[in-house]
N, C-alpha and C. Protein backbone atom coordinates (compact mmCIF):
# COMPACT_ATOMS: atom_id res chain seq x y z
N MET A 1 50.42 112.17 140.07
CA MET A 1 49.90 112.64 141.29
C MET A 1 48.69 113.64 141.06
N ARG A 2 48.85 114.38 140.16
CA ARG A 2 47.76 115.30 139.77
C ARG A 2 46.30 114.66 139.24
N ASN A 3 46.52 113.74 138.52
CA ASN A 3 45.43 112.78 137.88
C ASN A 3 44.86 112.15 138.87
N LEU A 4 45.58 111.63 139.86
CA LEU A 4 44.96 111.08 140.85
C LEU A 4 44.02 111.75 141.82
N THR A 5 44.56 113.01 142.14
CA THR A 5 43.81 113.93 142.92
C THR A 5 42.61 114.29 142.06
N ILE A 6 42.54 114.60 140.64
CA ILE A 6 41.46 114.70 139.98
C ILE A 6 40.46 113.67 139.97
N ILE A 7 41.02 112.46 139.95
CA ILE A 7 39.85 111.39 140.11
C ILE A 7 39.35 111.45 141.39
N GLY A 8 39.91 111.75 142.44
CA GLY A 8 39.35 111.87 143.81
C GLY A 8 38.50 113.05 143.93
N GLU A 9 38.69 114.12 143.39
CA GLU A 9 37.81 115.21 143.29
C GLU A 9 36.63 115.00 142.63
N ALA A 10 36.68 114.21 141.42
CA ALA A 10 35.53 113.90 140.50
C ALA A 10 34.63 112.93 141.39
N ALA A 11 35.17 112.03 142.21
CA ALA A 11 34.45 111.14 142.94
C ALA A 11 33.65 111.80 143.99
N ASN A 12 34.26 112.72 144.41
CA ASN A 12 33.50 113.59 145.57
C ASN A 12 32.45 114.36 145.03
N ARG A 13 32.40 114.66 143.82
CA ARG A 13 31.23 115.49 143.25
C ARG A 13 30.17 114.74 142.64
N ILE A 14 30.37 113.44 142.75
CA ILE A 14 29.31 112.49 141.94
C ILE A 14 28.05 112.46 143.29
N PRO A 15 26.88 112.60 142.52
CA PRO A 15 25.76 112.88 143.63
C PRO A 15 25.72 111.50 144.35
N ALA A 16 25.08 111.81 145.63
CA ALA A 16 24.97 110.77 146.79
C ALA A 16 24.09 109.39 145.95
N GLU A 17 23.07 109.88 145.41
CA GLU A 17 22.12 109.02 144.93
C GLU A 17 22.99 107.94 143.94
N ILE A 18 23.70 108.32 143.15
CA ILE A 18 24.64 107.54 142.09
C ILE A 18 25.48 106.75 142.85
N ARG A 19 26.22 107.50 143.82
CA ARG A 19 27.23 106.72 144.62
C ARG A 19 26.51 105.38 145.43
N GLY A 20 25.38 105.59 145.76
CA GLY A 20 24.55 104.75 146.65
C GLY A 20 24.15 103.53 145.61
N GLN A 21 23.87 104.05 144.33
CA GLN A 21 23.42 102.83 143.34
C GLN A 21 24.71 102.14 142.83
N ASN A 22 25.92 102.50 143.33
CA ASN A 22 27.10 101.78 142.96
C ASN A 22 28.01 101.65 143.93
N ALA A 23 27.45 101.13 145.22
CA ALA A 23 28.08 100.81 146.31
C ALA A 23 29.27 99.86 146.33
N GLN A 24 29.61 99.30 145.31
CA GLN A 24 30.54 98.40 145.18
C GLN A 24 31.95 99.13 144.89
N ILE A 25 31.78 100.26 144.40
CA ILE A 25 32.85 101.34 144.20
C ILE A 25 33.04 102.08 145.61
N GLU A 26 34.58 102.02 145.92
CA GLU A 26 34.89 102.47 147.22
C GLU A 26 35.11 103.91 147.17
N TRP A 27 34.06 104.87 147.13
CA TRP A 27 33.85 106.27 146.81
C TRP A 27 34.82 106.93 148.17
N ARG A 28 34.50 106.54 149.30
CA ARG A 28 35.17 107.09 150.33
C ARG A 28 36.56 106.96 150.39
N LYS A 29 37.01 105.98 150.03
CA LYS A 29 38.53 105.60 149.93
C LYS A 29 39.10 106.44 148.64
N ILE A 30 38.54 106.44 147.79
CA ILE A 30 38.96 107.38 146.58
C ILE A 30 39.07 108.67 146.98
N VAL A 31 38.10 109.44 147.64
CA VAL A 31 38.00 110.93 148.20
C VAL A 31 39.22 110.85 149.09
N ALA A 32 39.13 109.90 150.14
CA ALA A 32 40.39 110.04 151.14
C ALA A 32 41.68 109.85 150.66
N PHE A 33 42.05 109.08 149.42
CA PHE A 33 43.30 109.21 149.00
C PHE A 33 43.44 110.71 148.44
N ARG A 34 42.70 111.36 147.69
CA ARG A 34 42.63 112.47 147.11
C ARG A 34 43.14 113.51 148.21
N ASN A 35 42.48 113.57 149.33
CA ASN A 35 42.72 114.33 150.37
C ASN A 35 44.17 114.08 151.13
N ALA A 36 44.58 112.93 151.08
CA ALA A 36 45.90 112.72 151.56
C ALA A 36 46.90 113.04 150.55
N ALA A 37 46.49 112.87 149.29
CA ALA A 37 47.58 113.32 148.20
C ALA A 37 47.83 114.89 148.04
N MET A 38 46.73 115.61 148.37
CA MET A 38 46.55 117.12 148.25
C MET A 38 47.32 117.58 149.58
N HIS A 39 47.15 116.92 150.62
CA HIS A 39 47.78 117.54 151.96
C HIS A 39 48.95 117.09 152.49
N GLU A 40 49.36 115.71 151.97
CA GLU A 40 50.55 115.07 152.34
C GLU A 40 51.45 114.69 151.35
N TYR A 41 51.56 115.47 150.31
CA TYR A 41 52.13 115.00 148.81
C TYR A 41 53.57 114.38 149.36
N PHE A 42 54.35 115.00 150.03
CA PHE A 42 55.83 114.39 150.16
C PHE A 42 55.81 113.13 151.42
N GLY A 43 54.54 113.06 152.13
CA GLY A 43 54.51 112.15 153.16
C GLY A 43 53.75 110.78 152.63
N LEU A 44 53.43 110.58 151.40
CA LEU A 44 52.83 109.53 150.96
C LEU A 44 53.67 108.47 150.67
N ASP A 45 53.28 107.09 151.11
CA ASP A 45 53.84 105.95 150.91
C ASP A 45 53.89 105.70 149.44
N ARG A 46 55.18 105.43 148.89
CA ARG A 46 55.41 104.97 147.66
C ARG A 46 54.76 103.71 147.11
N ASP A 47 54.78 102.84 148.21
CA ASP A 47 54.08 101.54 147.76
C ASP A 47 52.66 101.55 147.65
N ILE A 48 52.11 102.53 148.45
CA ILE A 48 50.70 102.54 148.32
C ILE A 48 50.28 103.40 147.06
N VAL A 49 51.07 104.50 146.67
CA VAL A 49 50.75 105.09 145.35
C VAL A 49 50.92 104.27 144.27
N TRP A 50 51.90 103.32 144.23
CA TRP A 50 52.12 102.38 143.18
C TRP A 50 50.98 101.28 143.18
N ASP A 51 50.67 100.86 144.26
CA ASP A 51 49.28 99.92 144.28
C ASP A 51 48.15 100.70 143.82
N VAL A 52 47.75 101.91 144.00
CA VAL A 52 46.78 102.80 143.53
C VAL A 52 46.98 102.78 142.01
N ILE A 53 47.99 103.12 141.63
CA ILE A 53 48.29 103.18 140.08
C ILE A 53 48.19 101.88 139.41
N SER A 54 48.76 100.94 139.93
CA SER A 54 48.93 99.61 139.11
C SER A 54 47.77 98.76 139.30
N ARG A 55 47.01 98.71 140.56
CA ARG A 55 45.93 97.85 140.72
C ARG A 55 44.56 98.58 140.81
N LYS A 56 44.47 99.49 141.64
CA LYS A 56 43.21 100.19 141.90
C LYS A 56 42.52 101.03 140.67
N ILE A 57 43.31 101.68 140.17
CA ILE A 57 42.91 102.43 138.93
C ILE A 57 42.35 101.56 137.82
N PRO A 58 43.06 100.52 137.33
CA PRO A 58 42.65 99.62 136.34
C PRO A 58 41.48 99.05 136.86
N ALA A 59 41.26 98.52 137.98
CA ALA A 59 39.94 98.08 138.56
C ALA A 59 38.84 98.91 138.52
N LEU A 60 39.04 100.19 138.98
CA LEU A 60 38.08 101.15 138.96
C LEU A 60 37.69 101.50 137.53
N SER A 61 38.43 101.57 136.65
CA SER A 61 38.18 101.69 135.23
C SER A 61 37.19 100.74 134.68
N LYS A 62 37.44 99.58 135.07
CA LYS A 62 36.48 98.46 134.74
C LYS A 62 35.19 98.42 135.32
N GLN A 63 35.22 98.79 136.49
CA GLN A 63 33.90 99.11 137.19
C GLN A 63 33.30 100.47 136.55
N LEU A 64 33.74 101.43 136.08
CA LEU A 64 33.07 102.45 135.63
C LEU A 64 32.75 102.42 134.25
N ALA A 65 33.33 101.41 133.51
CA ALA A 65 33.11 100.92 132.06
C ALA A 65 31.71 100.47 131.91
N SER A 66 31.28 99.64 133.04
CA SER A 66 29.90 99.18 133.15
C SER A 66 28.74 100.12 133.34
N PHE A 67 28.90 101.40 133.74
CA PHE A 67 28.22 102.32 133.61
C PHE A 67 27.15 102.53 132.31
N GLU A 68 26.23 102.88 132.43
CA GLU A 68 25.40 103.14 131.16
C GLU A 68 24.92 104.67 131.13
């Protein structure tokens, strides 16, 4: 969970210009997940967390790997 919150915090600090140039990445959802993880730690749905870990993070990693 800590790593997921760090990813969300980092996404929140990416300048708007760069986020705009990479609109295919769901920046707002990443930040929103971070906020939920920080403030509702015990209230998070395990299935959603598992989906983020198993599907969303690998997809995000591929998208970020294309940055130069």
